[in-house]
Amino acid sequence: MGDKRVVHIVDDEETIRKAVGFTLRTAGFVVETYASGPEFLQNAGGAENGCVILDMHMPDMDGLEVQAALTQKNIDMPVVVLTGNGDVALAVQAMKAGAVDFLAKPIERAILLDAVARAFARIDRAESRAAEEAEARKLIDLLTPRERDVLERLAQGHPNKTIAYDLGISSRTVEVHRASLMSKLGVHTFSQTLRIAFAAGMGKAP
């Protein structure tokens, strides 16, 4: 890509479009905004290649439906998903569908800019997937077998109670393993944990 960094913001809330747009413009990005999924999809084919910031909860089409439509149209722009509630199952679905990150509103400036930077890094580094996979597997190797069991089930979208039942342990023990594995992976958010798990090939249906 050239120096022009275009971010497409798709959100039905005008206040979010304005706030996120302002943050990105002041950071040097070119911003295009859309009030709905259909509006964005109508323009996506001829739009400048870039990053898409996509709201998960919209009245006409939700974020997952917009992601699916982009795939059907063979439009390969990295997506950062926004949501008003940190739903684990939605996070898993969005990231399995290729989202770079999953951000809960209200969004911190540094976290937003980091996610957008990684989205553009995905565009810039076509061969980065193999390196990311190797690094992820190296990190997964730091985990105990039980921590890997917990992470595998988290990557499949299971809540703590289900994981506890499956493994024959308490929910509290699952929380302890989850905190420990996140510490070993060097991450602070659930989306960062999922990104490493998916890069290492975890979370696939049995």
Protein backbone atom coordinates (compact mmCIF):
# COMPACT_ATOMS: atom_id res chain seq x y z
CA MET A 1 0.00 0.00 0.00
CA GLY A 2 1.02 3.62 -0.38
CA ASP A 3 1.06 6.25 2.32
CA LYS A 4 -2.72 6.63 2.18
CA ARG A 5 -4.31 4.67 5.03
CA VAL A 6 -8.08 4.46 4.65
CA VAL A 7 -10.35 3.29 7.46
CA HIS A 8 -14.00 2.49 6.74
CA ILE A 9 -16.20 2.95 9.83
CA VAL A 10 -19.53 1.09 9.69
CA ASP A 11 -21.75 1.91 12.69
CA ASP A 12 -25.39 2.96 13.02
CA GLU A 13 -24.56 5.29 15.93
CA GLU A 14 -23.53 8.72 14.69
CA THR A 15 -21.75 9.53 17.96
CA ILE A 16 -19.50 6.48 17.54
CA ARG A 17 -18.78 7.31 13.89
CA LYS A 18 -17.81 10.84 14.87
CA ALA A 19 -15.74 9.88 17.92
CA VAL A 20 -13.84 7.02 16.27
CA GLY A 21 -13.46 9.05 13.08
CA PHE A 22 -11.99 11.99 14.98
CA THR A 23 -9.52 9.74 16.81
CA LEU A 24 -8.35 8.16 13.55
CA ARG A 25 -8.16 11.40 11.57
CA THR A 26 -6.01 13.02 14.26
CA ALA A 27 -3.74 9.97 14.04
CA GLY A 28 -3.28 10.56 10.31
CA PHE A 29 -5.79 8.16 8.76
CA VAL A 30 -8.25 8.89 5.96
CA VAL A 31 -11.74 8.03 7.23
CA GLU A 32 -14.91 7.03 5.37
CA THR A 33 -18.10 6.49 7.38
CA TYR A 34 -21.24 4.44 6.74
CA ALA A 35 -24.45 4.35 8.81
CA SER A 36 -25.33 0.72 7.99
CA GLY A 37 -24.00 -2.56 6.64
CA PRO A 38 -26.01 -2.33 3.37
CA GLU A 39 -24.68 1.20 2.75
CA PHE A 40 -21.10 0.01 3.17
CA LEU A 41 -21.59 -3.11 1.04
CA GLN A 42 -23.13 -1.03 -1.74
CA ASN A 43 -19.88 0.97 -1.91
CA ALA A 44 -17.34 -1.66 -0.82
CA GLY A 45 -16.56 -3.01 -4.28
CA GLY A 46 -15.22 0.32 -5.48
CA ALA A 47 -13.92 1.52 -2.11
CA GLU A 48 -10.27 2.21 -1.40
CA ASN A 49 -8.60 -0.86 0.11
CA GLY A 50 -8.08 -0.43 3.83
CA CYS A 51 -9.27 -1.41 7.29
CA VAL A 52 -12.95 -1.82 8.22
CA ILE A 53 -14.20 -0.91 11.70
CA LEU A 54 -17.48 -2.78 11.94
CA ASP A 55 -20.18 -2.52 14.60
CA MET A 56 -21.51 -5.93 15.63
CA HIS A 57 -25.03 -4.78 16.61
CA MET A 58 -26.85 -2.90 13.82
CA PRO A 59 -30.56 -3.01 12.91
CA ASP A 60 -30.40 -3.83 9.17
CA MET A 61 -27.46 -6.26 9.09
CA ASP A 62 -25.31 -7.26 12.03
CA GLY A 63 -21.53 -7.33 11.86
CA LEU A 64 -21.30 -11.07 11.23
CA GLU A 65 -23.66 -10.76 8.25
CA VAL A 66 -21.57 -7.91 6.83
CA GLN A 67 -18.40 -9.99 7.30
CA ALA A 68 -20.02 -12.91 5.45
CA ALA A 69 -21.14 -10.62 2.63
CA LEU A 70 -17.61 -9.23 2.23
CA THR A 71 -16.29 -12.79 1.92
CA GLN A 72 -18.93 -13.64 -0.68
CA LYS A 73 -17.92 -10.56 -2.67
CA ASN A 74 -14.23 -11.58 -2.39
CA ILE A 75 -13.44 -8.28 -0.66
CA ASP A 76 -10.45 -9.00 1.54
CA MET A 77 -10.20 -6.01 3.87
CA PRO A 78 -9.16 -6.65 7.50
CA VAL A 79 -11.99 -6.06 9.97
CA VAL A 80 -11.94 -4.72 13.54
CA VAL A 81 -15.25 -5.51 15.25
CA LEU A 82 -16.94 -3.20 17.79
CA THR A 83 -19.59 -4.22 20.29
CA GLY A 84 -21.46 -2.68 23.18
CA ASN A 85 -21.29 -5.89 25.17
CA GLY A 86 -18.40 -8.31 25.40
CA ASP A 87 -20.17 -11.44 24.21
CA VAL A 88 -17.73 -14.37 24.17
CA ALA A 89 -19.57 -16.36 21.49
CA LEU A 90 -19.74 -13.33 19.16
CA ALA A 91 -16.05 -12.64 19.72
CA VAL A 92 -15.21 -16.19 18.69
CA GLN A 93 -17.46 -16.05 15.61
CA ALA A 94 -16.12 -12.69 14.48
CA MET A 95 -12.48 -13.70 14.87
CA LYS A 96 -13.02 -17.09 13.24
CA ALA A 97 -14.50 -15.16 10.33
CA GLY A 98 -11.23 -13.27 10.10
CA ALA A 99 -11.61 -10.21 12.33
CA VAL A 100 -8.28 -8.74 13.44
CA ASP A 101 -9.62 -7.74 16.85
CA PHE A 102 -12.76 -7.46 18.94
CA LEU A 103 -13.15 -4.18 20.85
CA ALA A 104 -15.77 -3.33 23.47
CA LYS A 105 -17.26 0.15 23.62
CA PRO A 106 -16.27 2.65 24.94
CA ILE A 107 -12.98 2.20 23.07
CA GLU A 108 -9.68 3.40 24.47
CA ARG A 109 -7.64 5.41 21.95
CA ALA A 110 -4.46 3.35 22.37
CA ILE A 111 -6.31 0.03 21.97
CA LEU A 112 -8.15 1.29 18.88
CA LEU A 113 -4.97 2.54 17.23
CA ASP A 114 -3.16 -0.70 18.06
CA ALA A 115 -5.94 -2.76 16.46
CA VAL A 116 -5.97 -0.56 13.33
CA ALA A 117 -2.17 -0.77 13.10
CA ARG A 118 -2.37 -4.57 13.16
CA ALA A 119 -5.09 -4.48 10.51
CA PHE A 120 -2.80 -2.55 8.17
CA ALA A 121 0.10 -4.81 9.08
CA ARG A 122 -2.02 -7.73 7.81
CA ILE A 123 -2.41 -5.91 4.50
CA ASP A 124 1.29 -5.03 4.32
CA ARG A 125 2.67 -8.46 5.25
CA ALA A 126 1.15 -11.10 3.02
CA GLU A 127 3.58 -13.72 4.28
CA SER A 128 3.16 -12.91 7.97
CA ARG A 129 0.69 -15.72 8.67
CA ALA A 130 3.35 -18.45 8.78
CA ALA A 131 5.51 -16.39 11.14
CA GLU A 132 2.49 -15.58 13.33
CA GLU A 133 1.56 -19.28 13.47
CA ALA A 134 5.10 -20.28 14.48
CA GLU A 135 5.20 -17.63 17.20
CA ALA A 136 1.76 -18.66 18.47
CA ARG A 137 2.74 -22.34 18.65
CA LYS A 138 5.89 -21.37 20.52
CA LEU A 139 3.77 -19.53 23.09
CA ILE A 140 1.25 -22.40 23.35
CA ASP A 141 4.16 -24.74 24.15
CA LEU A 142 4.66 -22.76 27.38
CA LEU A 143 1.28 -23.95 28.68
CA THR A 144 0.57 -27.04 30.76
CA PRO A 145 -1.62 -29.74 29.19
CA ARG A 146 -4.56 -28.64 31.35
CA GLU A 147 -4.09 -24.98 30.39
CA ARG A 148 -4.09 -26.05 26.73
CA ASP A 149 -7.33 -27.97 27.36
CA VAL A 150 -8.92 -24.83 28.81
CA LEU A 151 -7.63 -22.63 25.97
CA GLU A 152 -8.88 -25.07 23.31
CA ARG A 153 -12.38 -24.93 24.77
CA LEU A 154 -12.27 -21.15 25.12
CA ALA A 155 -11.32 -20.97 21.44
CA GLN A 156 -14.35 -23.14 20.64
CA GLY A 157 -16.54 -20.52 22.35
CA HIS A 158 -17.38 -22.45 25.53
CA PRO A 159 -18.10 -20.53 28.77
CA ASN A 160 -16.25 -21.33 32.00
CA LYS A 161 -19.10 -23.43 33.41
CA THR A 162 -19.17 -25.71 30.36
CA ILE A 163 -15.38 -26.06 30.40
CA ALA A 164 -15.49 -26.93 34.11
CA TYR A 165 -18.09 -29.65 33.45
CA ASP A 166 -16.18 -31.07 30.47
CA LEU A 167 -12.90 -31.26 32.38
CA GLY A 168 -14.38 -32.35 35.72
CA ILE A 169 -13.08 -29.32 37.60
CA SER A 170 -14.66 -26.30 39.31
CA SER A 171 -15.42 -23.01 37.56
CA ARG A 172 -12.99 -21.35 39.96
CA THR A 173 -10.23 -23.71 38.80
CA VAL A 174 -11.03 -22.83 35.19
CA GLU A 175 -10.64 -19.13 36.10
CA VAL A 176 -7.26 -19.87 37.70
CA HIS A 177 -6.07 -21.76 34.59
CA ARG A 178 -7.40 -18.99 32.37
CA ALA A 179 -5.52 -16.30 34.32
CA SER A 180 -2.36 -18.41 34.31
CA LEU A 181 -2.42 -19.14 30.58
CA MET A 182 -3.05 -15.47 29.74
CA SER A 183 -0.07 -14.53 31.89
CA LYS A 184 2.15 -17.08 30.12
CA LEU A 185 0.95 -15.88 26.71
CA GLY A 186 1.72 -12.30 27.74
CA VAL A 187 -1.77 -11.00 26.93
CA HIS A 188 -4.26 -8.81 28.78
CA THR A 189 -7.50 -9.19 26.82
CA PHE A 190 -9.65 -12.09 25.69
CA SER A 191 -9.36 -11.07 22.03
CA GLN A 192 -5.54 -11.22 22.27
CA THR A 193 -5.83 -14.72 23.78
CA LEU A 194 -8.12 -15.83 20.93
CA ARG A 195 -5.80 -14.39 18.31
CA ILE A 196 -2.90 -16.53 19.55
CA ALA A 197 -5.10 -19.63 19.88
CA PHE A 198 -6.47 -19.29 16.34
CA ALA A 199 -3.02 -18.56 14.90
CA ALA A 200 -1.85 -21.84 16.47
CA GLY A 201 -4.72 -23.73 14.84
CA MET A 202 -6.86 -24.15 17.96
CA GLY A 203 -10.63 -23.80 18.19
CA LYS A 204 -11.55 -26.03 15.26
CA ALA A 205 -14.64 -28.22 15.54
CA PRO A 206 -13.76 -31.71 16.82
